[in-house]
Protein backbone atom coordinates (compact mmCIF):
# COMPACT_ATOMS: atom_id res chain seq x y z
CA MET A 1 0.00 0.00 0.00
CA SER A 2 1.57 3.27 -1.14
CA GLU A 3 1.88 6.13 1.27
CA PRO A 4 0.07 9.42 0.54
CA VAL A 5 2.20 12.11 -1.05
CA PRO A 6 2.95 14.78 1.54
CA THR A 7 1.76 18.28 0.72
CA LEU A 8 2.69 21.71 2.02
CA THR A 9 0.23 23.99 3.72
CA LEU A 10 0.31 27.74 3.17
CA SER A 11 2.11 28.24 6.45
CA GLU A 12 4.72 25.65 5.51
CA LEU A 13 5.17 27.26 2.08
CA GLY A 14 5.52 30.66 3.71
CA ALA A 15 8.13 29.27 6.08
CA ALA A 16 10.03 27.72 3.16
CA LEU A 17 10.05 31.03 1.29
CA ALA A 18 11.10 32.87 4.43
CA ARG A 19 14.15 30.62 4.69
CA GLY A 20 14.99 31.49 1.09
CA TRP A 21 14.63 35.25 1.55
CA ARG A 22 18.14 35.85 0.25
CA VAL A 23 17.23 34.21 -3.06
CA LEU A 24 14.03 36.25 -3.27
CA LEU A 25 15.87 39.48 -2.48
CA GLY A 26 18.42 38.69 -5.15
CA GLY A 27 15.64 38.13 -7.69
CA VAL A 28 13.95 41.42 -6.80
CA LEU A 29 17.20 43.39 -7.05
CA THR A 30 18.07 41.70 -10.34
CA GLY A 31 14.65 42.61 -11.72
CA ILE A 32 15.02 46.25 -10.67
CA VAL A 33 18.48 46.51 -12.24
CA THR A 34 17.15 44.92 -15.42
CA GLY A 35 14.33 47.46 -15.54
CA VAL A 36 16.79 50.34 -15.19
CA VAL A 37 19.06 48.92 -17.91
CA LEU A 38 16.16 48.41 -20.31
CA HIS A 39 14.86 51.92 -19.63
CA LEU A 40 18.27 53.39 -20.46
CA ALA A 41 19.03 51.09 -23.40
CA LEU A 42 15.73 51.09 -25.27
CA PRO A 43 15.09 54.25 -27.30
CA GLN A 44 11.90 56.12 -26.40
CA THR A 45 9.46 56.57 -29.27
CA TYR A 46 6.33 58.68 -29.71
CA SER A 47 3.26 58.13 -31.88
CA ALA A 48 0.79 60.73 -33.19
CA THR A 49 -2.36 60.22 -35.28
CA ALA A 50 -4.09 62.41 -37.88
CA SER A 51 -7.67 61.70 -39.05
CA VAL A 52 -8.78 62.22 -42.66
CA GLN A 53 -12.35 62.19 -44.00
CA VAL A 54 -12.29 60.47 -47.40
CA GLU A 55 -14.82 61.64 -49.99
CA ALA A 56 -15.99 59.65 -53.00
CA THR A 57 -14.47 60.80 -56.31
CA GLY A 58 -14.55 57.72 -58.48
CA VAL A 59 -17.95 58.41 -60.12
CA ASP A 60 -19.47 60.98 -62.45
CA PRO A 61 -19.80 64.24 -60.46
CA LEU A 62 -22.88 65.08 -62.53
CA ALA A 63 -24.71 61.89 -61.64
CA GLN A 64 -27.91 62.32 -59.66
CA THR A 65 -27.55 59.00 -57.83
CA ASP A 66 -25.68 58.50 -54.57
CA PRO A 67 -21.97 57.86 -55.07
CA ARG A 68 -20.55 54.43 -54.47
CA PRO A 69 -18.85 53.91 -51.11
CA VAL A 70 -15.11 54.43 -51.02
CA ASP A 71 -12.95 51.30 -51.02
CA MET A 72 -11.19 52.00 -47.72
CA ALA A 73 -8.83 49.03 -48.06
CA THR A 74 -7.47 50.54 -51.28
CA GLU A 75 -7.16 53.96 -49.65
CA GLU A 76 -5.23 52.46 -46.73
CA THR A 77 -2.74 50.94 -49.17
CA ILE A 78 -2.37 54.20 -51.10
CA ALA A 79 -1.85 56.30 -47.95
CA ALA A 80 0.81 53.91 -46.62
CA SER A 81 2.59 53.58 -49.96
CA ARG A 82 6.12 54.85 -50.44
CA GLY A 83 4.91 57.44 -52.91
CA ILE A 84 2.82 59.10 -50.18
CA ALA A 85 4.55 58.29 -46.88
CA GLY A 86 8.10 58.22 -48.23
CA SER A 87 10.53 56.73 -45.71
CA ARG A 88 8.31 57.51 -42.73
CA THR A 89 7.07 54.72 -40.46
CA VAL A 90 3.28 54.99 -40.66
CA ASP A 91 0.31 52.87 -39.71
CA VAL A 92 -2.89 53.54 -41.65
CA HIS A 93 -6.25 52.00 -40.79
CA ALA A 94 -9.91 52.85 -41.26
CA ALA A 95 -11.97 53.81 -38.21
CA GLY A 96 -14.53 51.02 -38.11
CA GLU A 97 -17.00 51.05 -41.00
CA SER A 98 -16.65 54.81 -41.55
CA SER A 99 -14.84 56.65 -44.34
CA VAL A 100 -12.28 58.08 -41.91
CA LEU A 101 -8.62 57.14 -42.20
CA ARG A 102 -6.37 57.31 -39.15
CA ILE A 103 -2.75 57.92 -40.11
CA SER A 104 -0.26 57.27 -37.28
CA HIS A 105 3.42 58.13 -37.39
CA THR A 106 6.12 57.03 -34.92
CA SER A 107 9.29 59.02 -34.31
CA GLY A 108 11.89 59.81 -31.68
CA THR A 109 10.34 63.11 -30.52
CA PRO A 110 6.72 64.22 -29.95
CA ARG A 111 6.99 67.11 -32.42
CA ALA A 112 8.47 64.90 -35.14
CA ALA A 113 5.73 62.30 -34.62
CA ALA A 114 2.95 64.88 -35.03
CA GLY A 115 4.67 66.60 -37.94
CA GLY A 116 5.18 63.31 -39.76
CA ALA A 117 1.54 62.24 -39.34
CA ASN A 118 0.25 65.58 -40.62
CA ALA A 119 2.70 65.56 -43.53
CA VAL A 120 1.54 62.11 -44.66
CA ALA A 121 -2.12 63.14 -44.27
CA ARG A 122 -1.62 66.25 -46.40
CA ALA A 123 0.36 64.32 -49.01
CA TYR A 124 -2.45 61.75 -49.22
CA LEU A 125 -5.11 64.46 -49.60
CA ALA A 126 -3.04 66.22 -52.27
CA ASP A 127 -2.67 62.99 -54.21
CA ARG A 128 -6.37 62.21 -53.91
CA SER A 129 -7.27 65.75 -55.00
CA ARG A 130 -4.94 65.38 -57.98
CA ARG A 131 -6.62 62.14 -59.02
CA ALA A 132 -10.06 63.72 -58.59
CA GLY A 133 -8.95 66.74 -60.64
CA GLU A 134 -7.73 64.53 -63.46
CA ALA A 135 -11.07 62.71 -63.53
CA LEU A 136 -12.91 66.05 -63.58
CA ARG A 137 -10.76 67.39 -66.42
CA ARG A 138 -11.44 64.27 -68.44
CA LEU A 139 -15.17 64.77 -67.85
CA ARG A 140 -14.99 68.40 -68.98
CA ALA A 141 -13.03 67.42 -72.08
CA THR A 142 -15.60 64.76 -72.94
CA LEU A 143 -18.49 67.20 -72.58
CA THR A 144 -16.66 69.82 -74.64
CA LYS A 145 -16.11 67.30 -77.43
CA GLN A 146 -19.79 66.37 -77.33
CA VAL A 147 -20.77 70.03 -77.70
CA ASP A 148 -18.28 70.59 -80.52
CA ALA A 149 -19.49 67.48 -82.32
CA LEU A 150 -23.07 68.75 -82.52
CA PRO A 151 -24.12 70.18 -85.87
CA LYS A 152 -24.28 73.94 -86.01
CA LYS A 153 -27.99 73.74 -86.68
CA ALA A 154 -28.67 71.15 -83.98
CA ALA A 155 -31.93 71.43 -82.13
CA ALA A 156 -31.95 73.23 -78.83
CA SER A 157 -33.15 70.04 -77.13
CA GLN A 158 -29.82 68.42 -78.05
CA VAL A 159 -27.56 71.30 -77.12
CA GLN A 160 -29.04 72.50 -73.85
CA PRO A 161 -28.57 69.29 -71.72
CA ILE A 162 -24.92 68.91 -72.73
CA ALA A 163 -24.23 72.63 -72.31
CA ALA A 164 -25.81 72.55 -68.86
CA ASP A 165 -23.67 69.58 -67.83
CA LEU A 166 -20.57 71.32 -69.12
CA ALA A 167 -21.40 74.46 -67.14
CA ARG A 168 -21.88 72.41 -63.98
CA ALA A 169 -18.64 70.51 -64.56
CA ARG A 170 -16.73 73.76 -64.89
CA ARG A 171 -18.10 74.95 -61.53
CA LEU A 172 -17.13 71.72 -59.71
CA GLN A 173 -14.00 71.78 -57.56
CA ALA A 174 -11.77 68.74 -57.31
CA GLY A 175 -11.76 67.60 -53.69
CA GLY A 176 -11.23 64.11 -52.33
CA GLY A 177 -11.06 64.52 -48.59
CA THR A 178 -10.55 66.71 -45.55
CA LEU A 179 -8.13 66.72 -42.63
CA ILE A 180 -10.67 66.62 -39.81
CA ASP A 181 -8.26 66.11 -36.89
CA ALA A 182 -4.64 67.16 -37.17
CA ALA A 183 -2.06 65.23 -35.16
CA ARG A 184 -0.78 66.86 -31.98
CA PRO A 185 2.51 66.14 -30.17
CA PRO A 186 1.87 63.31 -27.68
CA GLU A 187 2.55 63.92 -24.00
CA ARG A 188 3.79 60.39 -23.28
CA GLY A 189 6.06 57.98 -25.08
CA ASN A 190 5.31 54.42 -26.12
CA LEU A 191 7.64 52.89 -23.51
CA PRO A 192 6.65 52.98 -19.81
CA GLY A 193 8.54 55.22 -17.42
CA LEU A 194 11.38 54.22 -15.12
CA PRO A 195 9.20 53.54 -12.01
CA VAL A 196 6.89 51.26 -13.98
CA MET A 197 9.77 49.31 -15.52
CA CYS A 198 11.48 48.92 -12.14
CA LEU A 199 8.25 47.73 -10.52
CA ALA A 200 7.62 45.26 -13.35
CA GLY A 201 11.18 43.98 -13.08
CA ALA A 202 10.87 43.54 -9.31
CA VAL A 203 7.61 41.60 -9.63
CA LEU A 204 8.96 39.37 -12.40
CA GLY A 205 12.17 38.79 -10.46
CA LEU A 206 10.20 37.83 -7.34
CA LEU A 207 7.93 35.45 -9.24
CA GLY A 208 10.86 33.93 -11.09
CA THR A 209 12.87 33.15 -7.96
CA MET A 210 10.04 31.87 -5.76
CA PRO A 211 10.32 28.26 -7.05
CA LEU A 212 14.11 28.38 -6.64
CA ALA A 213 13.81 29.72 -3.10
CA ALA A 214 11.32 27.00 -2.19
CA LEU A 215 13.52 24.27 -3.68
CA ARG A 216 16.69 25.52 -2.02
CA SER A 217 14.97 25.55 1.36
CA ARG A 218 13.88 21.91 1.07
CA PRO A 219 16.01 19.26 2.73
CA ALA A 220 18.29 17.00 0.74
CA ARG A 221 16.73 14.13 -1.18
CA GLY A 222 17.90 11.53 1.32
CA ALA A 223 16.07 13.35 4.12
CA SER A 224 13.00 14.35 2.15
CA ARG A 225 10.80 12.32 4.47
CA VAL A 226 11.58 11.96 8.16
CA VAL A 227 9.96 9.31 10.30
CA MET A 228 10.59 9.61 14.02
CA LEU A 229 10.50 6.34 15.91
CA ASP A 230 9.47 5.86 19.49
CA VAL A 231 10.21 2.27 20.44
CA GLU A 232 9.41 0.93 23.89
CA PRO A 233 12.17 -0.92 25.71
CA SER A 234 10.00 -4.05 25.85
CA ALA A 235 9.74 -4.26 22.05
CA THR A 236 11.29 -7.34 20.51
CA THR A 237 14.11 -7.22 17.99
CA GLU A 238 11.68 -8.14 15.19
CA LEU A 239 9.38 -5.27 16.18
CA ARG A 240 12.30 -2.85 16.23
CA GLN A 241 13.36 -3.96 12.74
CA ALA A 242 9.80 -3.63 11.42
CA ALA A 243 9.47 -0.13 12.87
CA SER A 244 12.80 0.91 11.41
CA ALA A 245 11.74 -0.36 7.98
CA LEU A 246 8.89 2.17 7.96
CA ALA A 247 11.35 5.03 7.97
CA ASP A 248 13.11 6.42 4.91
CA GLN A 249 15.59 7.82 7.36
CA VAL A 250 15.68 7.28 11.11
CA LEU A 251 16.31 10.74 12.52
CA VAL A 252 15.53 10.19 16.20
CA LEU A 253 15.36 6.91 18.06
CA ARG A 254 14.28 7.08 21.62
CA GLU A 255 13.61 4.07 23.83
CA THR A 256 11.88 5.66 26.75
CA ASP A 257 8.19 5.65 27.55
CA ALA A 258 8.12 9.45 27.77
CA SER A 259 9.68 10.01 24.36
CA LEU A 260 6.47 9.94 22.24
CA PRO A 261 5.22 13.47 23.17
CA LEU A 262 8.69 14.82 22.47
CA ALA A 263 8.80 13.06 19.10
CA GLU A 264 5.42 14.48 18.15
CA GLN A 265 6.59 17.94 19.18
CA TRP A 266 9.63 17.59 16.92
CA CYS A 267 7.42 16.47 14.05
CA ARG A 268 5.18 19.49 14.41
CA HIS A 269 8.24 21.73 14.34
CA LEU A 270 9.63 20.04 11.23
CA ARG A 271 6.30 20.29 9.42
CA SER A 272 6.03 23.99 10.30
CA VAL A 273 9.25 24.68 8.37
CA GLY A 274 8.26 22.59 5.37
CA ILE A 275 9.84 19.19 6.18
CA PRO A 276 7.37 16.27 5.98
CA ALA A 277 7.62 14.24 9.17
CA SER A 278 5.64 11.58 10.98
CA VAL A 279 5.83 9.47 14.14
CA VAL A 280 5.79 5.71 14.39
CA HIS A 281 5.01 4.39 17.86
CA ALA A 282 6.11 0.78 18.08
CA HIS A 283 5.04 -1.32 21.05
CA PRO A 284 4.24 -4.99 21.62
CA ARG A 285 0.64 -6.14 21.60
CA ASP A 286 -1.02 -6.74 24.90
CA SER A 287 -1.36 -10.45 25.46
């Protein structure tokens, strides 16, 4: 019959960790030093975001129907392209299901981060306005050709609709979008401050060394389980041998009638500091 595996109570675990306080202190100090080193070694960066409202330009400006929705995935790719962003590190994403693009730029200073985000936003709007202007010029050229192609004696019903469209096209302005929220210099960097990094290092160092402290405070493998024997003087040799066989290691062997309370007291003390211990009381059967 196998013996139950001994377990540690919270008090025993606390006592084991208390014995390994030097290991825990070393882990905490190491974590704090690591936090300071990382804070000094890692470069601080700042991120700023500009918001752009994208307007539809890919349809006939003279159409009476509602314009098709803007393909925001395409606009994200265009805004983040090298032709618009250049060598800047930008992150472009649409705000939910809306037609608003958020253009974020990361740099080494708050002012550079905001300036870079605004520069990319303006470059994107300029490119989109240019594309819209080209589409509008093509429309005007098409309408002008239609008017010029009409016979000189064409009926007024043929001339007036085209002439009206041409007049409207000439009044249209090429847009494409609006900068609705310019980027501002951020007040905080992307990396946490020195107190936060030191605190995080201390916590991680403490958690990392707790198992080591508990293991170092355990007894050696040969004394992992202590059985204290209390054998009465009247016990036979066979009974003594049987009692000794129950012990992984015989730590205390007392052969007095008054030794059992003392053995139990020792066991309670050993268990309080995390060492599994038990008492075997060997005595002959009453005849």
